[in-house]
Amino acid sequence: GYLRKIPGKIISQYPDRILNIHPSLLPAYGGKGFYGKKVHEAVIKNREQESGCSVHIVTKQYDEGPILAQSTVKVDENETAESLARKVLTQEHILYPKVIEHHLNTLK
């Protein structure tokens, strides 16, 4: 994933046109410092029953833009951050292209 904050000037030039996929069910486990393995470790530590991924519009704040779609996965009792990451990534590969296509078709 792209781990740098996109400058506000660029976001302003392309409103509602920059999408991001995040490996959690936002707004949970989003924001600065929550990425990759850190997200999955937090989900497991907090004994969540489910996790997943979210596609959202990029805004000036990390992971706070409007959520366009989410996909969930079950967190198993003996889940590891690595196994959860694999499950979430599988869903990301399904969800992101669909959301991108739909979003492109709705833009004016």
C-alpha atoms as a PDB file:
ATOM      1  CA  GLY A   1       0.000   0.000   0.000  1.00  0.00           C
ATOM      2  CA  TYR A   2       0.872   3.634  -0.364  1.00  0.00           C
ATOM      3  CA  LEU A   3       1.972   4.757   3.089  1.00  0.00           C
ATOM      4  CA  ARG A   4       2.595   8.437   2.473  1.00  0.00           C
ATOM      5  CA  LYS A   5       0.043  11.118   3.081  1.00  0.00           C
ATOM      6  CA  ILE A   6      -1.158  12.651  -0.164  1.00  0.00           C
ATOM      7  CA  PRO A   7      -0.747  16.428  -0.067  1.00  0.00           C
ATOM      8  CA  GLY A   8      -3.963  18.398   0.388  1.00  0.00           C
ATOM      9  CA  LYS A   9      -3.245  20.342  -2.799  1.00  0.00           C
ATOM     10  CA  ILE A  10      -3.422  17.142  -4.852  1.00  0.00           C
ATOM     11  CA  ILE A  11      -6.561  15.965  -3.064  1.00  0.00           C
ATOM     12  CA  SER A  12      -8.170  19.338  -3.793  1.00  0.00           C
ATOM     13  CA  GLN A  13      -7.267  19.080  -7.485  1.00  0.00           C
ATOM     14  CA  TYR A  14      -8.885  15.626  -7.746  1.00  0.00           C
ATOM     15  CA  PRO A  15     -11.915  15.717  -5.441  1.00  0.00           C
ATOM     16  CA  ASP A  16     -13.638  12.351  -4.999  1.00  0.00           C
ATOM     17  CA  ARG A  17     -11.244  10.806  -7.509  1.00  0.00           C
ATOM     18  CA  ILE A  18      -8.585   9.244  -5.287  1.00  0.00           C
ATOM     19  CA  LEU A  19      -9.587   5.948  -3.709  1.00  0.00           C
ATOM     20  CA  ASN A  20      -7.850   3.905  -1.042  1.00  0.00           C
ATOM     21  CA  ILE A  21      -8.304   0.396   0.264  1.00  0.00           C
ATOM     22  CA  HIS A  22      -7.693  -0.176   3.942  1.00  0.00           C
ATOM     23  CA  PRO A  23      -7.337  -3.557   5.690  1.00  0.00           C
ATOM     24  CA  SER A  24     -10.016  -3.013   8.338  1.00  0.00           C
ATOM     25  CA  LEU A  25     -13.670  -2.227   8.675  1.00  0.00           C
ATOM     26  CA  LEU A  26     -13.360   1.523   8.946  1.00  0.00           C
ATOM     27  CA  PRO A  27     -13.741   3.565  11.015  1.00  0.00           C
ATOM     28  CA  ALA A  28     -12.234   0.893  13.284  1.00  0.00           C
ATOM     29  CA  TYR A  29      -8.459   0.506  13.119  1.00  0.00           C
ATOM     30  CA  GLY A  30      -7.922   3.400  10.754  1.00  0.00           C
ATOM     31  CA  GLY A  31      -5.839   6.517  10.890  1.00  0.00           C
ATOM     32  CA  LYS A  32      -2.172   7.334  11.173  1.00  0.00           C
ATOM     33  CA  GLY A  33      -0.117   4.365  12.278  1.00  0.00           C
ATOM     34  CA  PHE A  34      -2.738   1.755  11.425  1.00  0.00           C
ATOM     35  CA  TYR A  35      -1.555  -0.145   8.376  1.00  0.00           C
ATOM     36  CA  GLY A  36      -0.679  -3.684   7.373  1.00  0.00           C
ATOM     37  CA  LYS A  37       0.245  -6.096  10.141  1.00  0.00           C
ATOM     38  CA  LYS A  38      -0.401  -3.463  12.826  1.00  0.00           C
ATOM     39  CA  VAL A  39      -4.099  -3.464  11.919  1.00  0.00           C
ATOM     40  CA  HIS A  40      -4.400  -7.243  12.067  1.00  0.00           C
ATOM     41  CA  GLU A  41      -2.522  -7.463  15.363  1.00  0.00           C
ATOM     42  CA  ALA A  42      -4.880  -4.899  16.915  1.00  0.00           C
ATOM     43  CA  VAL A  43      -7.957  -6.738  15.641  1.00  0.00           C
ATOM     44  CA  ILE A  44      -6.732  -9.992  17.197  1.00  0.00           C
ATOM     45  CA  LYS A  45      -5.618  -8.342  20.440  1.00  0.00           C
ATOM     46  CA  ASN A  46      -9.090  -6.839  20.861  1.00  0.00           C
ATOM     47  CA  ARG A  47     -10.724 -10.214  20.182  1.00  0.00           C
ATOM     48  CA  GLU A  48     -12.846  -8.940  17.330  1.00  0.00           C
ATOM     49  CA  GLN A  49     -15.235 -11.461  15.784  1.00  0.00           C
ATOM     50  CA  GLU A  50     -14.804 -10.068  12.283  1.00  0.00           C
ATOM     51  CA  SER A  51     -12.516  -7.872  10.261  1.00  0.00           C
ATOM     52  CA  GLY A  52     -12.277  -7.035   6.592  1.00  0.00           C
ATOM     53  CA  CYS A  53     -11.426  -4.249   4.223  1.00  0.00           C
ATOM     54  CA  SER A  54     -12.843  -0.867   3.280  1.00  0.00           C
ATOM     55  CA  VAL A  55     -12.613   1.190   0.122  1.00  0.00           C
ATOM     56  CA  HIS A  56     -12.965   4.903   0.750  1.00  0.00           C
ATOM     57  CA  ILE A  57     -12.418   8.263  -0.882  1.00  0.00           C
ATOM     58  CA  VAL A  58      -9.144   9.868   0.149  1.00  0.00           C
ATOM     59  CA  THR A  59      -9.472  13.105   2.108  1.00  0.00           C
ATOM     60  CA  LYS A  60      -6.951  15.249   3.959  1.00  0.00           C
ATOM     61  CA  GLN A  61      -7.247  13.055   7.080  1.00  0.00           C
ATOM     62  CA  TYR A  62      -6.024   9.458   7.125  1.00  0.00           C
ATOM     63  CA  ASP A  63      -8.801   6.934   6.455  1.00  0.00           C
ATOM     64  CA  GLU A  64     -11.646   9.356   7.182  1.00  0.00           C
ATOM     65  CA  GLY A  65     -13.135   9.786   3.721  1.00  0.00           C
ATOM     66  CA  PRO A  66     -16.560   8.474   2.764  1.00  0.00           C
ATOM     67  CA  ILE A  67     -16.645   4.683   2.719  1.00  0.00           C
ATOM     68  CA  LEU A  68     -17.732   3.319  -0.645  1.00  0.00           C
ATOM     69  CA  ALA A  69     -17.786  -0.399   0.201  1.00  0.00           C
ATOM     70  CA  GLN A  70     -16.634  -2.968   2.733  1.00  0.00           C
ATOM     71  CA  SER A  71     -16.116  -6.710   2.772  1.00  0.00           C
ATOM     72  CA  THR A  72     -15.948  -8.804   5.937  1.00  0.00           C
ATOM     73  CA  VAL A  73     -14.072 -11.909   7.033  1.00  0.00           C
ATOM     74  CA  LYS A  74     -14.490 -14.008  10.151  1.00  0.00           C
ATOM     75  CA  VAL A  75     -11.696 -13.849  12.723  1.00  0.00           C
ATOM     76  CA  ASP A  76     -11.072 -17.406  13.869  1.00  0.00           C
ATOM     77  CA  GLU A  77     -10.235 -18.310  17.461  1.00  0.00           C
ATOM     78  CA  ASN A  78      -6.592 -19.166  16.718  1.00  0.00           C
ATOM     79  CA  GLU A  79      -6.087 -16.463  14.094  1.00  0.00           C
ATOM     80  CA  THR A  80      -2.641 -14.968  13.569  1.00  0.00           C
ATOM     81  CA  ALA A  81      -1.896 -11.583  12.056  1.00  0.00           C
ATOM     82  CA  GLU A  82      -0.460 -13.385   9.028  1.00  0.00           C
ATOM     83  CA  SER A  83      -3.466 -15.642   8.457  1.00  0.00           C
ATOM     84  CA  LEU A  84      -5.875 -12.740   8.929  1.00  0.00           C
ATOM     85  CA  ALA A  85      -3.853 -10.638   6.503  1.00  0.00           C
ATOM     86  CA  ARG A  86      -4.187 -13.375   3.858  1.00  0.00           C
ATOM     87  CA  LYS A  87      -7.959 -13.553   4.317  1.00  0.00           C
ATOM     88  CA  VAL A  88      -8.354  -9.781   4.142  1.00  0.00           C
ATOM     89  CA  LEU A  89      -6.068  -9.508   1.100  1.00  0.00           C
ATOM     90  CA  THR A  90      -8.202 -12.053  -0.748  1.00  0.00           C
ATOM     91  CA  GLN A  91     -11.231  -9.847  -0.144  1.00  0.00           C
ATOM     92  CA  GLU A  92      -9.289  -6.726  -1.160  1.00  0.00           C
ATOM     93  CA  HIS A  93      -8.499  -8.304  -4.546  1.00  0.00           C
ATOM     94  CA  ILE A  94     -12.207  -8.939  -5.109  1.00  0.00           C
ATOM     95  CA  LEU A  95     -13.604  -5.685  -3.730  1.00  0.00           C
ATOM     96  CA  TYR A  96     -11.231  -3.004  -5.012  1.00  0.00           C
ATOM     97  CA  PRO A  97     -11.634  -3.593  -8.774  1.00  0.00           C
ATOM     98  CA  LYS A  98     -15.430  -3.701  -8.440  1.00  0.00           C
ATOM     99  CA  VAL A  99     -15.529  -0.456  -6.483  1.00  0.00           C
ATOM    100  CA  ILE A 100     -13.133   1.277  -8.878  1.00  0.00           C
ATOM    101  CA  GLU A 101     -15.247   0.255 -11.866  1.00  0.00           C
ATOM    102  CA  HIS A 102     -18.476   1.368 -10.190  1.00  0.00           C
ATOM    103  CA  HIS A 103     -16.929   4.656  -9.050  1.00  0.00           C
ATOM    104  CA  LEU A 104     -15.626   5.425 -12.543  1.00  0.00           C
ATOM    105  CA  ASN A 105     -19.084   4.812 -13.971  1.00  0.00           C
ATOM    106  CA  THR A 106     -20.648   7.263 -11.506  1.00  0.00           C
ATOM    107  CA  LEU A 107     -18.220  10.148 -12.095  1.00  0.00           C
ATOM    108  CA  LYS A 108     -19.451  12.989 -14.268  1.00  0.00           C
END
